[in-house]
Amino acid sequence: MTSRWSLLAVASLVGLLLPPPSRAQQRATPNPIQFAPPIVFGYPGSYPGAIASGEFTNDGFQDLIVGAEYGDVAVKLGRGDGTFGHWRNAFSPSHSASSLALGKFDGKNLDAVVNDISDAWVLLGGGGGGFPRTTWLNAGGNFVVGFAVGDFNHDGKQDIAALVNIPGQNSDSSEIYLYLGSGDGTFQSARSFSVGEQVPMAILAGDFNGDGKLDLAVLCTHQGDFAGQAVVLLGDGKGGFRRPIRFGLSNNPPYLPYAMTLADFNHDDKLDLAVAYENWDSNSSSFARILLGNGDGTFHEGVRATAGSNPVSIAAADFNGDGIPDLVVANSPCYKACDYLSSISVLLGNGDGTFQPPAKFPVHGQTSLQLTVADFNGDGKPDVATVNVNTQNVSVLLNTTQFPALNAKPGRTRPH
């Protein structure tokens, strides 16, 4: 498995889409979850595998940015009604872009950071959907797996933490390269922090011990025995991190810990993790393992929630408007040459760290490597978009669940 299959969860999206639940909401019966048939459009490059959503034109509409394994990074501007304009080329990497993250690195418009196998590029947005300036991030020729964005040294400027795979003769190792932002779109040389002697899979930023300083969580795997670790590095607020705290993930062959997201799943004001377990060789159901935070950077075991076939991407949001965080996974069944159609599954949260059985919705594409969550039609409900590598297209699923009236809001549209 190489870095091109690695997945990224955008942690900041959770805060946008998850209002705190009330006690009454936790006791309420979950609303049935529904999505409209997917809107599918082809991607102009070859084998798109990375996707993120954000507002690139400062008009209040959510747009899409997609990276491909053999092709360009391209943007599709949203019209505010769930439809999108034409693709716009954003960047042409030398090799491939399999991981994306968004931020405002010069304090102006929304920017992006993308990997190019063994290095990374910051694409500085111009406010019109294009990226007129770029900044190169030196990763020393190592494999860049993913990114977490945040202010790690409390100077009011956004930084980039890159998760890096260091190849070894007998085994790979994981490191974090921290690029402190200067506030003008440039960055200091990377500071490295060791994670461990396992293969890096995913990285997230959040405050795991409640001290107001941004921490990092890293998912690593040991593919030889199907085990892994969730590793937390507590930030010191000055651009440094303490010694890694490790939570062992026992082996569950043929399932492998592959992707993760964060939220407060049991309403105790402490961040939890949900880890999705993949199985590329079968169509049987897999699961998401819930790690409940203790509020000090450590975790205790939660439930294993049935997730779907080969869940390779995972995100948290409130999909039914009850104030309780739910989960969505991208199912990519890959038995017999990956020719099975993909889907998403939504697991409605109960507010106590447990989840309802998954509700499955087709995406009309094959091998959905990543998903992103945003409100694409302005109705106040989180929608889902997937990037489907084998059919080389993108699917947008609009959330049609009946929300409580107070959460609904009228949408606006960009002129066609």
Protein backbone atom coordinates (compact mmCIF):
# COMPACT_ATOMS: atom_id res chain seq x y z
CA MET A 1 0.00 0.00 0.00
CA THR A 2 1.45 3.37 -0.95
CA SER A 3 0.69 6.90 0.08
CA ARG A 4 -1.65 7.45 -2.84
CA TRP A 5 -4.29 5.37 -1.08
CA SER A 6 -4.05 7.31 2.17
CA LEU A 7 -7.02 9.25 3.33
CA LEU A 8 -7.54 12.52 5.02
CA ALA A 9 -10.24 13.68 7.27
CA VAL A 10 -10.70 17.45 7.64
CA ALA A 11 -11.11 17.96 11.37
CA SER A 12 -12.25 21.58 11.28
CA LEU A 13 -15.44 20.57 9.42
CA VAL A 14 -16.71 18.78 12.52
CA GLY A 15 -16.96 22.00 14.50
CA LEU A 16 -18.91 23.68 11.71
CA LEU A 17 -21.53 20.98 11.39
CA LEU A 18 -21.99 19.65 14.93
CA PRO A 19 -23.93 21.87 17.35
CA PRO A 20 -23.87 20.56 20.95
CA PRO A 21 -26.81 18.22 21.70
CA SER A 22 -29.26 18.88 24.49
CA ARG A 23 -30.40 16.13 26.87
CA ALA A 24 -33.82 16.12 25.20
CA GLN A 25 -32.21 15.72 21.79
CA GLN A 26 -30.20 12.74 23.02
CA ARG A 27 -33.38 11.01 24.14
CA ALA A 28 -35.21 11.76 20.89
CA THR A 29 -35.76 9.05 18.29
CA PRO A 30 -33.35 9.65 15.38
CA ASN A 31 -34.92 11.09 12.25
CA PRO A 32 -34.82 8.77 9.23
CA ILE A 33 -31.88 9.71 7.01
CA GLN A 34 -32.48 10.35 3.30
CA PHE A 35 -30.42 11.54 0.33
CA ALA A 36 -31.49 12.49 -3.19
CA PRO A 37 -30.13 10.38 -6.08
CA PRO A 38 -26.49 11.32 -6.64
CA ILE A 39 -25.47 14.07 -9.04
CA VAL A 40 -22.54 12.59 -10.98
CA PHE A 41 -20.06 14.41 -13.17
CA GLY A 42 -16.89 13.24 -14.86
CA TYR A 43 -13.44 14.41 -13.85
CA PRO A 44 -11.15 15.79 -16.60
CA GLY A 45 -7.99 14.12 -15.23
CA SER A 46 -7.04 10.49 -14.77
CA TYR A 47 -7.90 8.53 -11.63
CA PRO A 48 -9.10 11.20 -9.21
CA GLY A 49 -8.46 10.12 -5.62
CA ALA A 50 -8.53 13.17 -3.32
CA ILE A 51 -11.36 15.60 -2.58
CA ALA A 52 -12.08 18.54 -0.28
CA SER A 53 -14.76 21.23 -0.08
CA GLY A 54 -14.60 24.90 0.79
CA GLU A 55 -15.47 28.41 -0.31
CA PHE A 56 -12.92 29.57 -2.88
CA THR A 57 -14.81 32.62 -4.21
CA ASN A 58 -16.03 34.23 -0.97
CA ASP A 59 -19.65 34.11 -2.11
CA GLY A 60 -21.04 31.78 0.54
CA PHE A 61 -21.25 28.78 -1.80
CA GLN A 62 -19.34 25.55 -1.19
CA ASP A 63 -16.97 24.50 -3.98
CA LEU A 64 -15.04 21.29 -4.68
CA ILE A 65 -11.34 20.70 -5.24
CA VAL A 66 -10.15 17.33 -6.54
CA GLY A 67 -6.69 15.84 -7.01
CA ALA A 68 -5.82 12.97 -9.33
CA GLU A 69 -3.17 10.27 -9.33
CA TYR A 70 -2.24 11.00 -12.93
CA GLY A 71 -3.40 14.51 -13.73
CA ASP A 72 -4.18 17.94 -12.45
CA VAL A 73 -5.74 19.42 -9.36
CA ALA A 74 -9.02 21.00 -10.44
CA VAL A 75 -11.77 23.12 -8.88
CA LYS A 76 -15.51 23.00 -9.52
CA LEU A 77 -17.36 26.09 -8.28
CA GLY A 78 -20.70 25.53 -6.58
CA ARG A 79 -23.79 27.48 -7.57
CA GLY A 80 -25.40 27.17 -4.15
CA ASP A 81 -28.17 24.81 -5.27
CA GLY A 82 -26.22 21.54 -5.39
CA THR A 83 -25.04 22.03 -8.96
CA PHE A 84 -21.61 23.16 -10.11
CA GLY A 85 -19.92 25.01 -12.97
CA HIS A 86 -17.18 23.76 -15.26
CA TRP A 87 -13.92 22.33 -14.00
CA ARG A 88 -11.07 24.84 -13.61
CA ASN A 89 -7.46 23.71 -13.56
CA ALA A 90 -5.79 24.72 -10.29
CA PHE A 91 -2.38 23.03 -10.34
CA SER A 92 -0.39 20.45 -12.29
CA PRO A 93 1.74 18.29 -10.01
CA SER A 94 4.80 16.49 -11.29
CA HIS A 95 3.41 13.11 -10.21
CA SER A 96 0.10 12.86 -8.36
CA ALA A 97 -2.04 14.53 -5.72
CA SER A 98 -3.64 12.01 -3.36
CA SER A 99 -4.14 14.21 -0.27
CA LEU A 100 -5.67 17.68 0.15
CA ALA A 101 -6.28 20.07 3.00
CA LEU A 102 -7.56 23.65 3.10
CA GLY A 103 -6.60 26.75 5.05
CA LYS A 104 -5.96 30.51 4.83
CA PHE A 105 -2.20 30.65 4.83
CA ASP A 106 -1.79 34.29 3.80
CA GLY A 107 -4.84 35.48 5.76
CA LYS A 108 -6.81 36.35 2.64
CA ASN A 109 -8.67 33.80 0.52
CA LEU A 110 -9.08 30.06 0.94
CA ASP A 111 -5.92 28.16 0.00
CA ALA A 112 -5.07 24.47 -0.42
CA VAL A 113 -2.13 22.24 0.35
CA VAL A 114 -1.62 19.12 -1.79
CA ASN A 115 0.94 16.34 -1.81
CA ASP A 116 2.97 15.36 -4.86
CA ILE A 117 4.20 11.98 -3.64
CA SER A 118 7.51 13.05 -2.05
CA ASP A 119 6.87 16.74 -1.44
CA ALA A 120 3.99 19.16 -1.10
CA TRP A 121 2.68 22.42 -2.55
CA VAL A 122 0.65 25.23 -1.05
CA LEU A 123 -1.80 26.71 -3.57
CA LEU A 124 -2.61 30.29 -2.61
CA GLY A 125 -6.13 31.25 -3.63
CA GLY A 126 -6.87 34.42 -5.55
CA GLY A 127 -10.50 34.67 -4.47
CA GLY A 128 -11.93 33.84 -7.89
CA GLY A 129 -11.50 30.07 -7.84
CA GLY A 130 -7.92 30.13 -9.11
CA PHE A 131 -4.52 29.84 -7.41
CA PRO A 132 -2.12 32.44 -8.82
CA ARG A 133 0.74 31.67 -6.39
CA THR A 134 2.31 28.46 -5.06
CA THR A 135 4.77 27.63 -2.29
CA TRP A 136 6.85 24.45 -2.26
CA LEU A 137 7.25 22.47 0.97
CA ASN A 138 10.37 20.33 1.12
CA ALA A 139 9.68 16.87 2.56
CA GLY A 140 13.19 15.52 2.00
CA GLY A 141 12.12 13.06 -0.67
CA ASN A 142 9.89 11.11 1.73
CA PHE A 143 6.29 10.12 1.06
CA VAL A 144 3.74 12.72 2.18
CA VAL A 145 0.58 10.95 3.34
CA GLY A 146 -1.72 13.71 4.58
CA PHE A 147 -2.07 17.08 6.31
CA ALA A 148 -3.57 18.76 9.35
CA VAL A 149 -3.93 22.55 9.36
CA GLY A 150 -4.03 24.82 12.41
CA ASP A 151 -2.23 27.40 14.52
CA PHE A 152 0.20 25.24 16.48
CA ASN A 153 2.30 28.04 18.00
CA HIS A 154 -0.44 30.56 18.90
CA ASP A 155 0.84 33.37 16.66
CA GLY A 156 -2.44 33.82 14.78
CA LYS A 157 -1.00 32.31 11.59
CA GLN A 158 -1.97 28.94 10.15
CA ASP A 159 0.60 26.16 10.06
CA ILE A 160 0.75 22.82 8.28
CA ALA A 161 1.49 19.45 9.89
CA ALA A 162 2.37 16.90 7.21
CA LEU A 163 2.24 13.18 7.97
CA VAL A 164 5.24 11.55 6.31
CA ASN A 165 6.19 7.95 5.56
CA ILE A 166 9.92 7.30 5.96
CA PRO A 167 10.81 4.17 3.96
CA GLY A 168 13.06 1.68 5.72
CA GLN A 169 14.88 -1.48 4.74
CA ASN A 170 12.80 -3.71 6.99
CA SER A 171 9.87 -1.47 7.95
CA ASP A 172 8.56 2.02 7.38
CA SER A 173 8.28 4.68 10.07
CA SER A 174 6.01 7.66 10.62
CA GLU A 175 7.03 11.26 11.23
CA ILE A 176 5.31 14.63 11.35
CA TYR A 177 6.87 17.54 9.50
CA LEU A 178 5.61 20.80 10.98
CA TYR A 179 5.79 23.86 8.71
CA LEU A 180 5.17 27.02 10.74
CA GLY A 181 3.41 29.67 8.68
CA SER A 182 4.74 33.20 8.27
CA GLY A 183 1.29 34.60 7.51
CA ASP A 184 2.12 35.57 3.91
CA GLY A 185 1.87 32.14 2.30
CA THR A 186 5.45 31.16 3.06
CA PHE A 187 6.66 28.75 5.72
CA GLN A 188 9.66 28.01 7.88
CA SER A 189 11.70 24.89 7.24
CA ALA A 190 10.08 21.76 8.60
CA ARG A 191 10.56 20.61 12.18
CA SER A 192 10.27 16.82 12.47
CA PHE A 193 8.59 14.81 15.23
CA SER A 194 8.79 11.03 15.40
CA VAL A 195 5.53 9.06 15.61
CA GLY A 196 6.70 5.45 15.50
CA GLU A 197 7.84 2.44 13.50
CA GLN A 198 4.58 1.84 11.67
CA VAL A 199 3.03 2.88 8.37
CA PRO A 200 1.26 6.27 8.61
CA MET A 201 -2.34 6.42 7.41
CA ALA A 202 -4.13 9.59 8.59
CA ILE A 203 -3.65 12.74 10.67
CA LEU A 204 -6.08 15.06 12.48
CA ALA A 205 -5.75 18.18 14.61
CA GLY A 206 -7.79 18.82 17.77
CA ASP A 207 -7.53 19.71 21.44
CA PHE A 208 -7.49 16.29 23.11
CA ASN A 209 -6.64 17.41 26.66
CA GLY A 210 -8.68 20.61 26.92
CA ASP A 211 -5.79 22.99 27.51
CA GLY A 212 -6.60 25.26 24.57
CA LYS A 213 -3.53 24.12 22.64
CA LEU A 214 -3.81 22.25 19.37
CA ASP A 215 -2.76 18.59 19.42
CA LEU A 216 -2.33 15.96 16.73
CA ALA A 217 -3.76 12.46 16.35
CA VAL A 218 -2.12 10.04 13.93
CA LEU A 219 -3.38 6.67 12.72
CA CYS A 220 -0.68 4.10 11.97
CA THR A 221 -0.85 0.48 10.88
CA HIS A 222 1.35 -2.59 10.90
CA GLN A 223 0.15 -4.43 7.84
CA GLY A 224 2.00 -7.64 8.59
CA ASP A 225 -0.31 -8.52 11.48
CA PHE A 226 -3.30 -6.21 10.76
CA ALA A 227 -2.67 -4.22 13.94
CA GLY A 228 -2.17 -0.50 14.41
CA GLN A 229 -2.01 2.45 16.77
CA ALA A 230 -3.81 5.70 17.40
CA VAL A 231 -1.06 8.09 18.48
CA VAL A 232 -1.63 11.48 20.13
CA LEU A 233 1.03 14.18 20.29
CA LEU A 234 0.01 16.88 22.77
CA GLY A 235 0.95 20.36 21.62
CA ASP A 236 2.82 22.81 23.82
CA GLY A 237 1.35 25.88 22.09
CA LYS A 238 4.81 26.90 20.89
CA GLY A 239 5.12 24.67 17.84
CA GLY A 240 6.36 21.64 19.75
CA PHE A 241 4.84 18.37 20.92
CA ARG A 242 5.26 16.07 23.89
CA ARG A 243 6.22 12.42 23.73
CA PRO A 244 3.64 10.38 21.75
CA ILE A 245 0.78 8.75 23.66
CA ARG A 246 -0.13 5.41 22.06
CA PHE A 247 -3.41 3.50 22.00
CA GLY A 248 -2.91 0.02 20.59
CA LEU A 249 -5.37 -1.24 17.98
CA SER A 250 -5.46 -5.03 18.22
CA ASN A 251 -5.24 -7.11 15.08
CA ASN A 252 -8.52 -7.96 13.36
CA PRO A 253 -7.56 -9.86 10.18
CA PRO A 254 -8.49 -9.37 7.43
CA TYR A 255 -9.52 -5.85 8.56
CA LEU A 256 -6.97 -3.04 8.81
CA PRO A 257 -7.33 0.39 10.50
CA TYR A 258 -7.34 2.81 7.58
CA ALA A 259 -9.04 6.18 8.19
CA MET A 260 -10.32 8.23 11.11
CA THR A 261 -12.37 11.23 12.15
CA LEU A 262 -13.08 13.02 15.43
CA ALA A 263 -16.05 14.41 17.37
CA ASP A 264 -17.56 14.26 20.85
CA PHE A 265 -19.63 11.11 20.33
CA ASN A 266 -20.77 10.60 23.94
CA HIS A 267 -21.43 14.24 24.92
CA ASP A 268 -18.85 14.50 27.72
CA ASP A 269 -17.02 17.52 26.22
CA LYS A 270 -14.00 15.37 25.32
CA LEU A 271 -12.89 14.59 21.79
CA ASP A 272 -13.28 11.00 20.63
CA LEU A 273 -12.00 9.15 17.57
CA ALA A 274 -13.75 6.89 15.08
CA VAL A 275 -11.44 4.56 13.15
CA ALA A 276 -12.66 2.90 9.95
CA TYR A 277 -11.35 -0.60 9.17
CA GLU A 278 -10.89 -1.54 5.52
CA ASN A 279 -10.83 -4.94 3.81
CA TRP A 280 -9.85 -4.60 0.16
CA ASP A 281 -10.33 -8.32 -0.59
CA SER A 282 -13.97 -8.80 0.36
CA ASN A 283 -17.45 -7.35 0.10
CA SER A 284 -18.37 -8.36 3.64
CA SER A 285 -19.33 -5.66 6.11
CA SER A 286 -16.60 -3.97 8.10
CA PHE A 287 -16.81 -1.59 11.07
CA ALA A 288 -15.78 1.68 12.68
CA ARG A 289 -14.09 1.38 16.05
CA ILE A 290 -14.95 4.13 18.54
CA LEU A 291 -12.20 5.34 20.87
CA LEU A 292 -13.66 7.47 23.66
CA GLY A 293 -11.44 10.26 24.90
CA ASN A 294 -10.50 10.57 28.56
CA GLY A 295 -9.71 14.26 28.22
CA ASP A 296 -5.95 13.88 28.74
CA GLY A 297 -4.88 12.55 25.33
CA THR A 298 -5.65 8.93 26.19
CA PHE A 299 -8.67 6.81 25.18
CA HIS A 300 -10.74 3.90 26.36
CA GLU A 301 -12.48 1.31 24.25
CA GLY A 302 -15.88 2.11 22.79
CA VAL A 303 -18.19 0.15 20.52
CA ARG A 304 -17.54 -1.33 17.12
CA ALA A 305 -20.19 0.07 14.83
CA THR A 306 -21.07 -1.78 11.64
CA ALA A 307 -20.05 0.49 8.78
CA GLY A 308 -20.37 -1.14 5.34
CA SER A 309 -18.16 -2.87 2.79
CA ASN A 310 -14.54 -1.71 2.88
CA PRO A 311 -15.00 1.74 4.47
CA VAL A 312 -11.93 3.71 3.34
CA SER A 313 -12.97 7.26 4.25
CA ILE A 314 -14.91 8.55 7.27
CA ALA A 315 -16.30 11.88 8.50
CA ALA A 316 -18.54 13.14 11.30
CA ALA A 317 -21.49 15.55 11.01
CA ASP A 318 -25.08 15.90 12.21
CA PHE A 319 -27.00 14.42 9.29
CA ASN A 320 -30.50 14.40 10.85
CA GLY A 321 -30.56 17.67 12.77
CA ASP A 322 -30.87 16.24 16.28
CA GLY A 323 -27.65 17.84 17.54
CA ILE A 324 -25.88 14.48 17.90
CA PRO A 325 -22.79 13.67 15.81
CA ASP A 326 -23.26 10.96 13.21
CA LEU A 327 -20.78 9.13 10.99
CA VAL A 328 -20.58 8.73 7.23
CA VAL A 329 -18.24 6.32 5.48
CA ALA A 330 -17.35 5.74 1.85
CA ASN A 331 -17.80 2.04 1.02
CA SER A 332 -15.48 0.79 -1.71
CA PRO A 333 -16.03 -2.94 -2.18
CA CYS A 334 -13.03 -4.20 -4.09
CA TYR A 335 -13.48 -7.93 -4.45
CA LYS A 336 -12.39 -9.29 -7.84
CA ALA A 337 -10.61 -6.33 -9.44
CA CYS A 338 -12.62 -3.56 -7.75
CA ASP A 339 -15.53 -3.73 -10.20
CA TYR A 340 -18.30 -3.31 -7.61
CA LEU A 341 -20.20 -0.05 -7.26
CA SER A 342 -19.43 2.08 -4.23
CA SER A 343 -21.82 3.68 -1.75
CA ILE A 344 -21.91 5.73 1.41
CA SER A 345 -23.28 4.57 4.73
CA VAL A 346 -24.59 6.92 7.42
CA LEU A 347 -24.50 5.78 11.05
CA LEU A 348 -26.81 7.91 13.17
CA GLY A 349 -25.39 8.61 16.62
CA ASN A 350 -27.31 7.95 19.83
CA GLY A 351 -25.40 10.57 21.81
CA ASP A 352 -23.77 8.03 24.14
CA GLY A 353 -20.98 6.79 21.85
CA THR A 354 -23.14 4.15 20.15
CA PHE A 355 -24.70 4.25 16.69
CA GLN A 356 -27.73 3.04 14.75
CA PRO A 357 -27.29 0.41 12.02
CA PRO A 358 -25.92 1.99 8.81
CA ALA A 359 -28.21 3.41 6.13
CA LYS A 360 -26.68 2.82 2.71
CA PHE A 361 -26.94 5.07 -0.37
CA PRO A 362 -25.42 4.42 -3.84
CA VAL A 363 -23.01 6.92 -5.37
CA HIS A 364 -23.15 5.55 -8.95
CA GLY A 365 -19.37 5.20 -9.09
CA GLN A 366 -16.64 2.65 -8.40
CA THR A 367 -13.95 2.78 -5.72
CA SER A 368 -14.81 5.92 -3.75
CA LEU A 369 -11.44 6.64 -2.19
CA GLN A 370 -12.39 9.79 -0.28
CA LEU A 371 -15.45 11.79 0.73
CA THR A 372 -16.08 15.34 1.89
CA VAL A 373 -19.00 16.83 3.82
CA ALA A 374 -20.45 20.32 3.21
CA ASP A 375 -23.76 22.09 2.66
CA PHE A 376 -23.78 22.30 -1.14
CA ASN A 377 -27.32 23.68 -1.61
CA GLY A 378 -27.59 26.10 1.32
CA ASP A 379 -30.44 24.39 3.17
CA GLY A 380 -28.52 23.98 6.43
CA LYS A 381 -28.04 20.22 6.03
CA PRO A 382 -24.67 18.50 5.52
CA ASP A 383 -24.36 16.86 2.12
CA VAL A 384 -21.72 14.39 0.91
CA ALA A 385 -19.46 14.27 -2.13
CA THR A 386 -17.28 11.31 -3.10
CA VAL A 387 -14.44 10.98 -5.57
CA ASN A 388 -14.62 7.69 -7.49
CA VAL A 389 -11.28 6.64 -8.91
CA ASN A 390 -12.21 3.67 -11.10
CA THR A 391 -15.10 5.43 -12.87
CA GLN A 392 -13.16 8.74 -12.85
CA ASN A 393 -16.06 10.82 -11.61
CA VAL A 394 -17.40 12.73 -8.61
CA SER A 395 -20.77 12.13 -6.92
CA VAL A 396 -22.71 14.69 -4.89
CA LEU A 397 -25.46 13.40 -2.59
CA LEU A 398 -27.84 16.08 -1.28
CA ASN A 399 -29.29 15.47 2.17
CA THR A 400 -33.12 15.43 2.01
CA THR A 401 -33.70 14.36 5.62
CA GLN A 402 -36.54 16.21 7.36
CA PHE A 403 -34.79 18.49 9.86
CA PRO A 404 -36.39 20.33 12.78
CA ALA A 405 -37.85 23.57 11.42
CA LEU A 406 -35.52 25.82 13.43
CA ASN A 407 -32.44 24.40 11.65
CA ALA A 408 -33.73 24.95 8.13
CA LYS A 409 -32.70 28.02 6.15
CA PRO A 410 -33.42 29.14 2.59
CA GLY A 411 -30.65 28.64 0.05
CA ARG A 412 -29.08 31.10 -2.38
CA THR A 413 -27.78 30.33 -5.81
CA ARG A 414 -25.02 31.63 -8.01
CA PRO A 415 -26.32 32.78 -11.43
CA HIS A 416 -26.04 30.00 -13.99
